Protein backbone atom coordinates (compact mmCIF):
# COMPACT_ATOMS: atom_id res chain seq x y z
CA MET A 1 3.86 5.36 19.94
CA PRO A 2 0.21 5.92 18.92
CA ALA A 3 -1.94 2.83 18.59
CA LEU A 4 -3.27 1.46 15.34
CA THR A 5 -6.77 2.85 14.82
CA TYR A 6 -8.62 -0.22 13.52
CA PRO A 7 -9.41 -3.85 14.36
CA HIS A 8 -8.42 -6.86 12.19
CA VAL A 9 -4.68 -6.05 12.21
CA GLY A 10 -2.90 -8.18 9.61
CA ALA A 11 -6.00 -9.19 7.62
CA THR A 12 -4.42 -8.05 4.34
CA ARG A 13 -1.67 -10.66 4.72
CA ASP A 14 -3.91 -13.53 3.66
CA GLY A 15 -6.51 -11.45 1.81
CA ARG A 16 -9.46 -12.39 4.04
CA LEU A 17 -10.83 -8.90 4.47
CA PRO A 18 -13.36 -8.07 7.20
CA ALA A 19 -17.02 -7.63 6.31
CA GLY A 20 -18.51 -4.16 6.68
CA TRP A 21 -15.43 -2.32 5.42
CA ARG A 22 -14.63 -0.84 1.98
CA HIS A 23 -12.41 -3.25 0.05
CA VAL A 24 -9.86 -2.58 -2.66
CA ARG A 25 -8.27 -5.34 -4.72
CA HIS A 26 -6.15 -4.35 -7.68
CA ARG A 27 -3.84 -6.75 -9.50
CA VAL A 28 -1.53 -6.02 -12.42
CA ARG A 29 0.81 -8.32 -14.33
CA LEU A 30 4.47 -7.32 -14.36
CA PRO A 31 7.10 -8.23 -16.95
CA ASP A 32 8.50 -11.77 -16.83
CA GLY A 33 11.62 -11.96 -14.72
CA ALA A 34 10.78 -8.80 -12.77
CA PHE A 35 10.13 -10.45 -9.41
CA ALA A 36 13.37 -9.46 -7.65
CA ALA A 37 13.41 -5.88 -8.93
CA ALA A 38 9.70 -5.35 -8.24
CA GLY A 39 9.93 -6.82 -4.74
CA ALA A 40 12.88 -4.59 -3.92
CA ALA A 41 11.01 -1.52 -5.25
CA VAL A 42 8.02 -2.26 -3.03
CA LEU A 43 9.96 -3.08 0.13
CA SER A 44 12.24 -0.02 -0.21
CA TRP A 45 9.35 2.46 -0.78
CA ARG A 46 10.74 3.11 -4.29
CA VAL A 47 7.45 2.41 -6.06
CA HIS A 48 5.61 4.92 -3.87
CA ARG A 49 8.26 7.58 -4.36
CA ALA A 50 8.37 6.99 -8.14
CA ALA A 51 4.58 7.47 -8.14
CA GLY A 52 5.11 10.98 -6.73
CA ILE A 53 4.26 10.21 -3.12
CA ARG A 54 6.54 11.63 -0.46
CA MET A 55 7.37 8.85 2.00
CA ASP A 56 8.82 9.90 5.35
CA THR A 57 9.95 6.71 7.10
CA ASP A 58 12.06 5.73 10.06
CA ALA A 59 13.67 2.88 8.06
CA ALA A 60 14.94 2.30 4.53
CA ARG A 61 12.92 -0.90 4.24
CA ALA A 62 9.40 -1.97 5.19
CA GLU A 63 9.54 -4.19 8.29
CA PRO A 64 6.99 -4.73 11.08
CA GLY A 65 6.89 -1.75 13.43
CA VAL A 66 8.32 0.76 10.92
CA ARG A 67 6.39 4.01 10.85
CA VAL A 68 5.76 5.87 7.61
CA VAL A 69 3.95 9.05 6.73
CA SER A 70 2.89 9.25 3.11
CA ARG A 71 2.26 12.75 1.86
CA LEU A 72 0.06 13.47 -1.14
CA GLY A 73 -0.54 16.83 -2.71
CA VAL A 74 1.43 20.04 -3.03
CA GLY A 75 2.58 22.63 -0.49
CA PRO A 76 -0.06 23.59 2.08
CA LEU A 77 -2.53 21.22 0.36
CA ARG A 78 -0.30 18.22 1.09
CA MET A 79 -2.19 15.60 3.11
CA ALA A 80 -0.30 13.48 5.65
CA ALA A 81 -1.28 9.85 6.15
CA PRO A 82 0.59 8.21 9.07
CA CYS A 83 0.83 4.41 9.10
CA GLN A 84 2.76 1.58 10.71
CA VAL A 85 3.95 -1.57 8.95
CA VAL A 86 2.15 -4.53 10.56
CA TRP A 87 3.62 -7.34 8.47
CA ALA A 88 6.22 -7.91 5.76
CA VAL A 89 7.22 -10.85 3.61
CA ASP A 90 10.30 -11.45 1.46
CA ASP A 91 10.61 -15.03 0.26
CA ALA A 92 10.99 -16.94 -3.00
CA ASP A 93 7.46 -16.19 -4.24
CA ARG A 94 6.21 -13.11 -2.35
CA ALA A 95 7.67 -9.74 -1.40
CA GLY A 96 5.78 -6.88 0.15
CA PHE A 97 4.14 -5.49 3.23
CA GLY A 98 0.94 -4.30 4.82
CA TYR A 99 0.54 -1.17 6.89
CA GLY A 100 -2.20 0.04 9.15
CA THR A 101 -3.41 3.54 9.77
CA LEU A 102 -2.41 5.61 12.77
CA PRO A 103 -4.24 8.60 14.31
CA GLY A 104 -4.26 11.50 11.86
CA HIS A 105 -4.78 9.33 8.78
CA PRO A 106 -7.91 10.29 6.82
CA ALA A 107 -9.04 6.63 6.80
CA ARG A 108 -9.00 3.72 9.24
CA GLY A 109 -7.81 0.36 7.99
CA GLU A 110 -4.98 -1.47 6.33
CA GLU A 111 -3.37 -1.61 2.91
CA ALA A 112 -0.97 -4.18 1.46
CA PHE A 113 1.43 -3.98 -1.49
CA VAL A 114 2.70 -7.38 -2.63
CA VAL A 115 4.66 -8.73 -5.56
CA GLY A 116 4.07 -12.42 -6.14
CA ARG A 117 4.86 -15.25 -8.51
CA ASP A 118 2.09 -17.62 -9.55
CA ALA A 119 2.41 -21.38 -10.20
CA VAL A 120 3.67 -20.88 -13.76
CA GLY A 121 6.13 -18.10 -12.87
CA ARG A 122 4.16 -15.04 -13.96
CA VAL A 123 4.86 -11.97 -11.80
CA TRP A 124 2.00 -9.93 -10.32
CA PHE A 125 1.65 -6.81 -8.20
CA GLU A 126 -1.39 -6.63 -5.97
CA VAL A 127 -2.80 -3.92 -3.74
CA VAL A 128 -5.32 -5.16 -1.17
CA ALA A 129 -6.99 -2.90 1.38
CA PHE A 130 -9.90 -2.50 3.74
CA SER A 131 -10.91 0.86 5.15
CA ARG A 132 -13.52 3.15 6.62
CA PRO A 133 -13.52 6.93 6.78
CA GLY A 134 -11.32 8.07 9.64
CA GLY A 135 -12.45 11.66 9.83
CA PHE A 136 -14.42 14.42 8.20
CA LEU A 137 -12.35 14.53 5.00
CA MET A 138 -13.03 10.93 3.93
CA ARG A 139 -16.66 11.03 5.09
CA ALA A 140 -17.25 14.21 3.10
CA ALA A 141 -15.51 12.73 0.06
CA GLY A 142 -18.07 9.91 -0.10
CA PRO A 143 -17.84 7.99 -3.39
CA ALA A 144 -14.97 10.21 -4.55
CA GLY A 145 -12.90 8.89 -1.64
CA ARG A 146 -13.49 5.31 -2.78
CA LEU A 147 -12.64 6.29 -6.35
CA PHE A 148 -9.39 7.85 -5.11
CA GLN A 149 -8.43 4.62 -3.32
CA HIS A 150 -8.92 2.58 -6.48
CA ALA A 151 -7.08 5.16 -8.61
CA TYR A 152 -4.17 5.12 -6.11
CA ALA A 153 -3.86 1.33 -6.45
CA TRP A 154 -4.02 1.59 -10.25
CA TRP A 155 -1.36 4.33 -10.27
CA LEU A 156 1.02 2.30 -8.11
CA GLY A 157 0.59 -0.72 -10.41
CA ARG A 158 1.26 1.37 -13.49
CA THR A 159 4.31 2.94 -11.84
CA LEU A 160 5.77 -0.42 -10.79
CA ARG A 161 5.24 -1.90 -14.25
CA ARG A 162 7.10 1.13 -15.71
CA LEU A 163 9.96 0.73 -13.21
CA CYS A 164 10.29 -2.96 -14.08
CA ALA A 165 10.31 -2.29 -17.82
CA ARG A 166 13.33 0.03 -17.37
CA ARG A 167 15.52 -2.47 -15.54
């Protein structure tokens, strides 16, 4: 199995992101009472698939060690982004996972997708990431690459909120 291509493995679990890397933090409130459904959608890759991202995985659920290749785009323009889940949580107040990039991913780093409940019971979805360009594509993209990362987090939040509203 290829090695993870970045240091600081697991840093997205507690949100203490390493200095010198690009950071993404996006948080969106979900409907009251949506914790279980939202957590299941994140851990089963459903939110990614509902957002139009093809997810090729070797497991139905995100667990440490599971490999996933997310594919964005259409036909020959589809970009593959291989990752490996480095941590997962599924308890009374948090459900989600973090995955790290593998060779072939356009970036180097880690991204986490977590549903949580705060002290008063409100439900939140948060995307937390740190990254650096992993090859020519992301370096050439410059600021547009950073904009894409933020837009991706926003789109996943919007998609999960829509999925939870339908339940």
